[in-house]
Amino acid sequence: MIHNILVKYNNTVTDKDSFAKEVEILFCDLVGTVPGVNEVVVRKNCIDRPNRYDLMISIDMDKNALDSYDNSSVHKKWKKDYASYLESKAIFDFEDRG
């Protein structure tokens, strides 16, 4: 399963590149620490328009690893420390059938 988190920054994020790098470092800690998490890819949006999301975090994980991810220290830190920087976010999960 691919767990995607689409993120729209609020106006307090002035250095989007640094913020994205910080998020990438945080989420890459999932691999090897949360069983069933196989890969994390963080992608920055290349078009800066008001109607675009700024960042997409894609987590390749076993479907049954979602609860472990939800309870992980990374996810808790994301929710606690980064929520104040987000205007909105959307979650989209899908199974990669190749």
PDB file of N, CA and C in Angstrom:
ATOM      1  N   MET A   1       0.849  -1.170   0.000  1.00  0.00           N
ATOM      2  CA  MET A   1       0.000   0.000   0.000  1.00  0.00           C
ATOM      3  C   MET A   1       0.897   1.237   0.000  1.00  0.00           C
ATOM      4  N   ILE A   2       0.440   2.249  -0.711  1.00  0.00           N
ATOM      5  CA  ILE A   2       1.125   3.543  -0.675  1.00  0.00           C
ATOM      6  C   ILE A   2       0.234   4.514   0.092  1.00  0.00           C
ATOM      7  N   HIS A   3       0.783   5.069   1.156  1.00  0.00           N
ATOM      8  CA  HIS A   3       0.097   6.032   2.021  1.00  0.00           C
ATOM      9  C   HIS A   3       0.650   7.403   1.655  1.00  0.00           C
ATOM     10  N   ASN A   4      -0.188   8.245   1.046  1.00  0.00           N
ATOM     11  CA  ASN A   4       0.229   9.588   0.629  1.00  0.00           C
ATOM     12  C   ASN A   4      -0.360  10.640   1.544  1.00  0.00           C
ATOM     13  N   ILE A   5       0.489  11.566   1.922  1.00  0.00           N
ATOM     14  CA  ILE A   5       0.069  12.724   2.707  1.00  0.00           C
ATOM     15  C   ILE A   5       0.374  13.958   1.863  1.00  0.00           C
ATOM     16  N   LEU A   6      -0.663  14.647   1.452  1.00  0.00           N
ATOM     17  CA  LEU A   6      -0.504  15.892   0.696  1.00  0.00           C
ATOM     18  C   LEU A   6      -0.600  17.056   1.675  1.00  0.00           C
ATOM     19  N   VAL A   7       0.358  17.960   1.590  1.00  0.00           N
ATOM     20  CA  VAL A   7       0.486  19.009   2.593  1.00  0.00           C
ATOM     21  C   VAL A   7       0.483  20.387   1.933  1.00  0.00           C
ATOM     22  N   LYS A   8      -0.337  21.264   2.477  1.00  0.00           N
ATOM     23  CA  LYS A   8      -0.350  22.680   2.083  1.00  0.00           C
ATOM     24  C   LYS A   8       0.158  23.475   3.276  1.00  0.00           C
ATOM     25  N   TYR A   9       1.268  24.186   3.098  1.00  0.00           N
ATOM     26  CA  TYR A   9       1.824  24.998   4.180  1.00  0.00           C
ATOM     27  C   TYR A   9       0.953  26.223   4.435  1.00  0.00           C
ATOM     28  N   ASN A  10       1.007  26.712   5.655  1.00  0.00           N
ATOM     29  CA  ASN A  10       0.394  28.013   5.911  1.00  0.00           C
ATOM     30  C   ASN A  10       1.450  29.100   5.694  1.00  0.00           C
ATOM     31  N   ASN A  11       1.085  30.344   5.935  1.00  0.00           N
ATOM     32  CA  ASN A  11       1.992  31.456   5.622  1.00  0.00           C
ATOM     33  C   ASN A  11       3.164  31.602   6.594  1.00  0.00           C
ATOM     34  N   THR A  12       3.247  30.761   7.622  1.00  0.00           N
ATOM     35  CA  THR A  12       4.400  30.828   8.529  1.00  0.00           C
ATOM     36  C   THR A  12       5.623  30.116   7.948  1.00  0.00           C
ATOM     37  N   VAL A  13       5.432  29.305   6.914  1.00  0.00           N
ATOM     38  CA  VAL A  13       6.555  28.603   6.284  1.00  0.00           C
ATOM     39  C   VAL A  13       7.096  29.499   5.170  1.00  0.00           C
ATOM     40  N   THR A  14       8.250  30.085   5.425  1.00  0.00           N
ATOM     41  CA  THR A  14       8.835  31.000   4.452  1.00  0.00           C
ATOM     42  C   THR A  14       9.954  30.345   3.644  1.00  0.00           C
ATOM     43  N   ASP A  15      10.593  29.335   4.186  1.00  0.00           N
ATOM     44  CA  ASP A  15      11.649  28.614   3.473  1.00  0.00           C
ATOM     45  C   ASP A  15      11.146  27.198   3.195  1.00  0.00           C
ATOM     46  N   LYS A  16      10.455  27.040   2.082  1.00  0.00           N
ATOM     47  CA  LYS A  16       9.814  25.768   1.751  1.00  0.00           C
ATOM     48  C   LYS A  16      10.827  24.646   1.523  1.00  0.00           C
ATOM     49  N   ASP A  17      11.985  24.977   0.968  1.00  0.00           N
ATOM     50  CA  ASP A  17      12.996  23.948   0.727  1.00  0.00           C
ATOM     51  C   ASP A  17      13.538  23.378   2.035  1.00  0.00           C
ATOM     52  N   SER A  18      13.852  24.246   2.975  1.00  0.00           N
ATOM     53  CA  SER A  18      14.357  23.786   4.270  1.00  0.00           C
ATOM     54  C   SER A  18      13.301  22.996   5.028  1.00  0.00           C
ATOM     55  N   PHE A  19      12.074  23.462   4.954  1.00  0.00           N
ATOM     56  CA  PHE A  19      10.981  22.769   5.627  1.00  0.00           C
ATOM     57  C   PHE A  19      10.816  21.369   5.043  1.00  0.00           C
ATOM     58  N   ALA A  20      10.842  21.255   3.724  1.00  0.00           N
ATOM     59  CA  ALA A  20      10.700  19.955   3.054  1.00  0.00           C
ATOM     60  C   ALA A  20      11.834  19.015   3.449  1.00  0.00           C
ATOM     61  N   LYS A  21      13.038  19.535   3.539  1.00  0.00           N
ATOM     62  CA  LYS A  21      14.187  18.703   3.932  1.00  0.00           C
ATOM     63  C   LYS A  21      14.015  18.201   5.361  1.00  0.00           C
ATOM     64  N   GLU A  22      13.554  19.052   6.237  1.00  0.00           N
ATOM     65  CA  GLU A  22      13.311  18.675   7.628  1.00  0.00           C
ATOM     66  C   GLU A  22      12.261  17.562   7.716  1.00  0.00           C
ATOM     67  N   VAL A  23      11.198  17.697   6.945  1.00  0.00           N
ATOM     68  CA  VAL A  23      10.139  16.683   6.916  1.00  0.00           C
ATOM     69  C   VAL A  23      10.689  15.372   6.359  1.00  0.00           C
ATOM     70  N   GLU A  24      11.503  15.463   5.322  1.00  0.00           N
ATOM     71  CA  GLU A  24      12.091  14.261   4.730  1.00  0.00           C
ATOM     72  C   GLU A  24      12.967  13.519   5.743  1.00  0.00           C
ATOM     73  N   ILE A  25      13.771  14.248   6.473  1.00  0.00           N
ATOM     74  CA  ILE A  25      14.629  13.634   7.491  1.00  0.00           C
ATOM     75  C   ILE A  25      13.778  12.951   8.553  1.00  0.00           C
ATOM     76  N   LEU A  26      12.720  13.613   8.984  1.00  0.00           N
ATOM     77  CA  LEU A  26      11.828  13.026   9.983  1.00  0.00           C
ATOM     78  C   LEU A  26      11.232  11.719   9.475  1.00  0.00           C
ATOM     79  N   PHE A  27      10.623  11.751   8.304  1.00  0.00           N
ATOM     80  CA  PHE A  27       9.895  10.587   7.809  1.00  0.00           C
ATOM     81  C   PHE A  27      10.798   9.439   7.383  1.00  0.00           C
ATOM     82  N   CYS A  28      12.011   9.731   6.953  1.00  0.00           N
ATOM     83  CA  CYS A  28      12.909   8.647   6.555  1.00  0.00           C
ATOM     84  C   CYS A  28      13.307   7.769   7.742  1.00  0.00           C
ATOM     85  N   ASP A  29      13.121   8.261   8.948  1.00  0.00           N
ATOM     86  CA  ASP A  29      13.373   7.450  10.141  1.00  0.00           C
ATOM     87  C   ASP A  29      12.390   6.298  10.280  1.00  0.00           C
ATOM     88  N   LEU A  30      11.294   6.324   9.524  1.00  0.00           N
ATOM     89  CA  LEU A  30      10.314   5.231   9.585  1.00  0.00           C
ATOM     90  C   LEU A  30      10.891   3.917   9.064  1.00  0.00           C
ATOM     91  N   VAL A  31      11.700   4.022   8.002  1.00  0.00           N
ATOM     92  CA  VAL A  31      12.272   2.817   7.394  1.00  0.00           C
ATOM     93  C   VAL A  31      13.282   2.213   8.362  1.00  0.00           C
ATOM     94  N   GLY A  32      13.059   0.967   8.701  1.00  0.00           N
ATOM     95  CA  GLY A  32      13.946   0.275   9.628  1.00  0.00           C
ATOM     96  C   GLY A  32      13.517   0.369  11.081  1.00  0.00           C
ATOM     97  N   THR A  33      12.599   1.280  11.387  1.00  0.00           N
ATOM     98  CA  THR A  33      12.142   1.391  12.775  1.00  0.00           C
ATOM     99  C   THR A  33      10.688   0.974  12.943  1.00  0.00           C
ATOM    100  N   VAL A  34       9.904   1.051  11.876  1.00  0.00           N
ATOM    101  CA  VAL A  34       8.509   0.620  11.928  1.00  0.00           C
ATOM    102  C   VAL A  34       8.372  -0.592  11.009  1.00  0.00           C
ATOM    103  N   PRO A  35       8.114  -1.759  11.588  1.00  0.00           N
ATOM    104  CA  PRO A  35       7.987  -2.965  10.768  1.00  0.00           C
ATOM    105  C   PRO A  35       6.906  -2.797   9.698  1.00  0.00           C
ATOM    106  N   GLY A  36       7.240  -3.186   8.484  1.00  0.00           N
ATOM    107  CA  GLY A  36       6.297  -3.101   7.388  1.00  0.00           C
ATOM    108  C   GLY A  36       6.391  -1.836   6.574  1.00  0.00           C
ATOM    109  N   VAL A  37       7.170  -0.856   7.045  1.00  0.00           N
ATOM    110  CA  VAL A  37       7.403   0.351   6.247  1.00  0.00           C
ATOM    111  C   VAL A  37       8.637   0.086   5.387  1.00  0.00           C
ATOM    112  N   ASN A  38       8.447   0.150   4.068  1.00  0.00           N
ATOM    113  CA  ASN A  38       9.489  -0.247   3.131  1.00  0.00           C
ATOM    114  C   ASN A  38      10.268   0.915   2.524  1.00  0.00           C
ATOM    115  N   GLU A  39       9.589   2.034   2.296  1.00  0.00           N
ATOM    116  CA  GLU A  39      10.241   3.166   1.642  1.00  0.00           C
ATOM    117  C   GLU A  39       9.452   4.440   1.912  1.00  0.00           C
ATOM    118  N   VAL A  40      10.167   5.545   1.982  1.00  0.00           N
ATOM    119  CA  VAL A  40       9.548   6.861   2.116  1.00  0.00           C
ATOM    120  C   VAL A  40      10.138   7.772   1.045  1.00  0.00           C
ATOM    121  N   VAL A  41       9.255   8.464   0.326  1.00  0.00           N
ATOM    122  CA  VAL A  41       9.690   9.435  -0.674  1.00  0.00           C
ATOM    123  C   VAL A  41       8.946  10.739  -0.392  1.00  0.00           C
ATOM    124  N   VAL A  42       9.701  11.833  -0.306  1.00  0.00           N
ATOM    125  CA  VAL A  42       9.113  13.151  -0.095  1.00  0.00           C
ATOM    126  C   VAL A  42       9.340  13.948  -1.374  1.00  0.00           C
ATOM    127  N   ARG A  43       8.251  14.462  -1.917  1.00  0.00           N
ATOM    128  CA  ARG A  43       8.321  15.218  -3.167  1.00  0.00           C
ATOM    129  C   ARG A  43       7.797  16.640  -2.946  1.00  0.00           C
ATOM    130  N   LYS A  44       8.558  17.611  -3.472  1.00  0.00           N
ATOM    131  CA  LYS A  44       8.145  19.006  -3.402  1.00  0.00           C
ATOM    132  C   LYS A  44       7.404  19.367  -4.680  1.00  0.00           C
ATOM    133  N   ASN A  45       6.391  20.193  -4.551  1.00  0.00           N
ATOM    134  CA  ASN A  45       5.665  20.699  -5.702  1.00  0.00           C
ATOM    135  C   ASN A  45       6.576  21.638  -6.483  1.00  0.00           C
ATOM    136  N   CYS A  46       6.511  21.557  -7.804  1.00  0.00           N
ATOM    137  CA  CYS A  46       7.364  22.416  -8.627  1.00  0.00           C
ATOM    138  C   CYS A  46       6.626  23.645  -9.168  1.00  0.00           C
ATOM    139  N   ILE A  47       5.343  23.767  -8.863  1.00  0.00           N
ATOM    140  CA  ILE A  47       4.547  24.911  -9.302  1.00  0.00           C
ATOM    141  C   ILE A  47       4.024  25.632  -8.063  1.00  0.00           C
ATOM    142  N   ASP A  48       4.415  26.884  -7.894  1.00  0.00           N
ATOM    143  CA  ASP A  48       4.013  27.644  -6.709  1.00  0.00           C
ATOM    144  C   ASP A  48       2.776  28.482  -7.035  1.00  0.00           C
ATOM    145  N   ARG A  49       1.615  27.892  -6.781  1.00  0.00           N
ATOM    146  CA  ARG A  49       0.339  28.592  -6.978  1.00  0.00           C
ATOM    147  C   ARG A  49      -0.523  28.372  -5.745  1.00  0.00           C
ATOM    148  N   PRO A  50      -1.412  29.311  -5.472  1.00  0.00           N
ATOM    149  CA  PRO A  50      -2.240  29.195  -4.261  1.00  0.00           C
ATOM    150  C   PRO A  50      -3.115  27.943  -4.217  1.00  0.00           C
ATOM    151  N   ASN A  51      -3.486  27.406  -5.357  1.00  0.00           N
ATOM    152  CA  ASN A  51      -4.374  26.242  -5.356  1.00  0.00           C
ATOM    153  C   ASN A  51      -3.621  24.909  -5.399  1.00  0.00           C
ATOM    154  N   ARG A  52      -2.320  24.930  -5.123  1.00  0.00           N
ATOM    155  CA  ARG A  52      -1.505  23.718  -5.133  1.00  0.00           C
ATOM    156  C   ARG A  52      -1.076  23.340  -3.722  1.00  0.00           C
ATOM    157  N   TYR A  53      -0.955  22.040  -3.516  1.00  0.00           N
ATOM    158  CA  TYR A  53      -0.313  21.562  -2.292  1.00  0.00           C
ATOM    159  C   TYR A  53       1.186  21.734  -2.458  1.00  0.00           C
ATOM    160  N   ASP A  54       1.898  21.839  -1.340  1.00  0.00           N
ATOM    161  CA  ASP A  54       3.337  22.105  -1.377  1.00  0.00           C
ATOM    162  C   ASP A  54       4.203  20.852  -1.340  1.00  0.00           C
ATOM    163  N   LEU A  55       3.695  19.798  -0.741  1.00  0.00           N
ATOM    164  CA  LEU A  55       4.542  18.634  -0.453  1.00  0.00           C
ATOM    165  C   LEU A  55       3.707  17.366  -0.498  1.00  0.00           C
ATOM    166  N   MET A  56       4.334  16.284  -0.941  1.00  0.00           N
ATOM    167  CA  MET A  56       3.688  14.979  -0.866  1.00  0.00           C
ATOM    168  C   MET A  56       4.657  13.999  -0.219  1.00  0.00           C
ATOM    169  N   ILE A  57       4.196  13.375   0.836  1.00  0.00           N
ATOM    170  CA  ILE A  57       4.964  12.347   1.535  1.00  0.00           C
ATOM    171  C   ILE A  57       4.337  11.015   1.148  1.00  0.00           C
ATOM    172  N   SER A  58       5.107  10.159   0.494  1.00  0.00           N
ATOM    173  CA  SER A  58       4.610   8.844   0.070  1.00  0.00           C
ATOM    174  C   SER A  58       5.327   7.765   0.875  1.00  0.00           C
ATOM    175  N   ILE A  59       4.541   6.961   1.562  1.00  0.00           N
ATOM    176  CA  ILE A  59       5.095   5.903   2.402  1.00  0.00           C
ATOM    177  C   ILE A  59       4.627   4.564   1.852  1.00  0.00           C
ATOM    178  N   ASP A  60       5.570   3.771   1.381  1.00  0.00           N
ATOM    179  CA  ASP A  60       5.279   2.427   0.905  1.00  0.00           C
ATOM    180  C   ASP A  60       5.330   1.510   2.124  1.00  0.00           C
ATOM    181  N   MET A  61       4.177   0.939   2.448  1.00  0.00           N
ATOM    182  CA  MET A  61       4.101   0.098   3.637  1.00  0.00           C
ATOM    183  C   MET A  61       3.156  -1.069   3.394  1.00  0.00           C
ATOM    184  N   ASP A  62       3.360  -2.120   4.168  1.00  0.00           N
ATOM    185  CA  ASP A  62       2.392  -3.204   4.172  1.00  0.00           C
ATOM    186  C   ASP A  62       1.091  -2.643   4.722  1.00  0.00           C
ATOM    187  N   LYS A  63      -0.019  -3.088   4.172  1.00  0.00           N
ATOM    188  CA  LYS A  63      -1.319  -2.561   4.587  1.00  0.00           C
ATOM    189  C   LYS A  63      -1.546  -2.725   6.099  1.00  0.00           C
ATOM    190  N   ASN A  64      -1.072  -3.827   6.642  1.00  0.00           N
ATOM    191  CA  ASN A  64      -1.262  -4.078   8.076  1.00  0.00           C
ATOM    192  C   ASN A  64      -0.281  -3.297   8.949  1.00  0.00           C
ATOM    193  N   ALA A  65       0.596  -2.496   8.339  1.00  0.00           N
ATOM    194  CA  ALA A  65       1.543  -1.683   9.111  1.00  0.00           C
ATOM    195  C   ALA A  65       0.987  -0.311   9.465  1.00  0.00           C
ATOM    196  N   LEU A  66      -0.216  -0.001   8.985  1.00  0.00           N
ATOM    197  CA  LEU A  66      -0.770   1.340   9.207  1.00  0.00           C
ATOM    198  C   LEU A  66      -0.939   1.661  10.690  1.00  0.00           C
ATOM    199  N   ASP A  67      -1.410   0.711  11.475  1.00  0.00           N
ATOM    200  CA  ASP A  67      -1.566   0.962  12.914  1.00  0.00           C
ATOM    201  C   ASP A  67      -0.221   1.223  13.583  1.00  0.00           C
ATOM    202  N   SER A  68       0.802   0.455  13.208  1.00  0.00           N
ATOM    203  CA  SER A  68       2.142   0.673  13.764  1.00  0.00           C
ATOM    204  C   SER A  68       2.671   2.044  13.375  1.00  0.00           C
ATOM    205  N   TYR A  69       2.434   2.428  12.134  1.00  0.00           N
ATOM    206  CA  TYR A  69       2.840   3.762  11.689  1.00  0.00           C
ATOM    207  C   TYR A  69       2.109   4.840  12.504  1.00  0.00           C
ATOM    208  N   ASP A  70       0.786   4.693  12.650  1.00  0.00           N
ATOM    209  CA  ASP A  70      -0.001   5.675  13.403  1.00  0.00           C
ATOM    210  C   ASP A  70       0.507   5.843  14.831  1.00  0.00           C
ATOM    211  N   ASN A  71       1.016   4.770  15.417  1.00  0.00           N
ATOM    212  CA  ASN A  71       1.497   4.806  16.797  1.00  0.00           C
ATOM    213  C   ASN A  71       2.994   5.079  16.910  1.00  0.00           C
ATOM    214  N   SER A  72       3.658   5.302  15.793  1.00  0.00           N
ATOM    215  CA  SER A  72       5.114   5.506  15.808  1.00  0.00           C
ATOM    216  C   SER A  72       5.480   6.890  16.356  1.00  0.00           C
ATOM    217  N   SER A  73       6.707   7.001  16.827  1.00  0.00           N
ATOM    218  CA  SER A  73       7.195   8.285  17.337  1.00  0.00           C
ATOM    219  C   SER A  73       7.275   9.325  16.213  1.00  0.00           C
ATOM    220  N   VAL A  74       7.566   8.882  15.001  1.00  0.00           N
ATOM    221  CA  VAL A  74       7.629   9.810  13.860  1.00  0.00           C
ATOM    222  C   VAL A  74       6.257  10.428  13.605  1.00  0.00           C
ATOM    223  N   HIS A  75       5.227   9.591  13.552  1.00  0.00           N
ATOM    224  CA  HIS A  75       3.884  10.098  13.300  1.00  0.00           C
ATOM    225  C   HIS A  75       3.417  11.020  14.429  1.00  0.00           C
ATOM    226  N   LYS A  76       3.712  10.650  15.646  1.00  0.00           N
ATOM    227  CA  LYS A  76       3.329  11.491  16.791  1.00  0.00           C
ATOM    228  C   LYS A  76       4.043  12.841  16.745  1.00  0.00           C
ATOM    229  N   LYS A  77       5.343  12.815  16.391  1.00  0.00           N
ATOM    230  CA  LYS A  77       6.101  14.074  16.272  1.00  0.00           C
ATOM    231  C   LYS A  77       5.542  14.923  15.133  1.00  0.00           C
ATOM    232  N   TRP A  78       5.218  14.303  14.011  1.00  0.00           N
ATOM    233  CA  TRP A  78       4.631  15.008  12.867  1.00  0.00           C
ATOM    234  C   TRP A  78       3.361  15.742  13.298  1.00  0.00           C
ATOM    235  N   LYS A  79       2.483  15.047  13.968  1.00  0.00           N
ATOM    236  CA  LYS A  79       1.217  15.646  14.382  1.00  0.00           C
ATOM    237  C   LYS A  79       1.425  16.737  15.439  1.00  0.00           C
ATOM    238  N   LYS A  80       2.323  16.486  16.370  1.00  0.00           N
ATOM    239  CA  LYS A  80       2.539  17.426  17.482  1.00  0.00           C
ATOM    240  C   LYS A  80       3.329  18.668  17.058  1.00  0.00           C
ATOM    241  N   ASP A  81       4.432  18.455  16.332  1.00  0.00           N
ATOM    242  CA  ASP A  81       5.360  19.551  16.045  1.00  0.00           C
ATOM    243  C   ASP A  81       5.116  20.272  14.725  1.00  0.00           C
ATOM    244  N   TYR A  82       4.397  19.657  13.803  1.00  0.00           N
ATOM    245  CA  TYR A  82       4.266  20.248  12.474  1.00  0.00           C
ATOM    246  C   TYR A  82       2.852  20.722  12.136  1.00  0.00           C
ATOM    247  N   ALA A  83       1.866  20.317  12.882  1.00  0.00           N
ATOM    248  CA  ALA A  83       0.479  20.694  12.582  1.00  0.00           C
ATOM    249  C   ALA A  83       0.295  22.211  12.506  1.00  0.00           C
ATOM    250  N   SER A  84       1.000  22.949  13.305  1.00  0.00           N
ATOM    251  CA  SER A  84       0.833  24.404  13.326  1.00  0.00           C
ATOM    252  C   SER A  84       1.355  25.079  12.053  1.00  0.00           C
ATOM    253  N   TYR A  85       2.104  24.361  11.228  1.00  0.00           N
ATOM    254  CA  TYR A  85       2.644  24.905   9.981  1.00  0.00           C
ATOM    255  C   TYR A  85       1.788  24.571   8.762  1.00  0.00           C
ATOM    256  N   LEU A  86       0.704  23.829   8.985  1.00  0.00           N
ATOM    257  CA  LEU A  86      -0.088  23.341   7.866  1.00  0.00           C
ATOM    258  C   LEU A  86      -1.414  24.078   7.746  1.00  0.00           C
ATOM    259  N   GLU A  87      -1.708  24.502   6.553  1.00  0.00           N
ATOM    260  CA  GLU A  87      -3.015  25.069   6.254  1.00  0.00           C
ATOM    261  C   GLU A  87      -4.023  23.942   6.040  1.00  0.00           C
ATOM    262  N   SER A  88      -3.569  22.910   5.346  1.00  0.00           N
ATOM    263  CA  SER A  88      -4.425  21.751   5.120  1.00  0.00           C
ATOM    264  C   SER A  88      -3.571  20.548   4.740  1.00  0.00           C
ATOM    265  N   LYS A  89      -4.202  19.385   4.813  1.00  0.00           N
ATOM    266  CA  LYS A  89      -3.557  18.161   4.355  1.00  0.00           C
ATOM    267  C   LYS A  89      -4.642  17.201   3.907  1.00  0.00           C
ATOM    268  N   ALA A  90      -4.239  16.285   3.050  1.00  0.00           N
ATOM    269  CA  ALA A  90      -5.141  15.252   2.565  1.00  0.00           C
ATOM    270  C   ALA A  90      -4.386  13.930   2.588  1.00  0.00           C
ATOM    271  N   ILE A  91      -5.097  12.882   2.885  1.00  0.00           N
ATOM    272  CA  ILE A  91      -4.518  11.545   2.933  1.00  0.00           C
ATOM    273  C   ILE A  91      -5.152  10.721   1.819  1.00  0.00           C
ATOM    274  N   PHE A  92      -4.303  10.002   1.075  1.00  0.00           N
ATOM    275  CA  PHE A  92      -4.800   9.136   0.006  1.00  0.00           C
ATOM    276  C   PHE A  92      -3.989   7.849   0.025  1.00  0.00           C
ATOM    277  N   ASP A  93      -4.665   6.735   0.269  1.00  0.00           N
ATOM    278  CA  ASP A  93      -4.029   5.424   0.304  1.00  0.00           C
ATOM    279  C   ASP A  93      -4.452   4.623  -0.923  1.00  0.00           C
ATOM    280  N   PHE A  94      -3.512   3.894  -1.510  1.00  0.00           N
ATOM    281  CA  PHE A  94      -3.859   3.001  -2.605  1.00  0.00           C
ATOM    282  C   PHE A  94      -2.936   1.797  -2.603  1.00  0.00           C
ATOM    283  N   GLU A  95      -3.419   0.738  -3.207  1.00  0.00           N
ATOM    284  CA  GLU A  95      -2.613  -0.463  -3.346  1.00  0.00           C
ATOM    285  C   GLU A  95      -1.971  -0.447  -4.721  1.00  0.00           C
ATOM    286  N   ASP A  96      -0.667  -0.584  -4.740  1.00  0.00           N
ATOM    287  CA  ASP A  96       0.085  -0.549  -5.987  1.00  0.00           C
ATOM    288  C   ASP A  96      -0.012  -1.917  -6.661  1.00  0.00           C
ATOM    289  N   ARG A  97      -0.686  -1.948  -7.750  1.00  0.00           N
ATOM    290  CA  ARG A  97      -0.893  -3.219  -8.475  1.00  0.00           C
ATOM    291  C   ARG A  97       0.086  -3.350  -9.639  1.00  0.00           C
ATOM    292  N   GLY A  98       1.071  -2.431  -9.723  1.00  0.00           N
ATOM    293  CA  GLY A  98       2.059  -2.522 -10.783  1.00  0.00           C
ATOM    294  C   GLY A  98       1.503  -2.048 -12.030  1.00  0.00           C
TER     295      GLY A  98
END
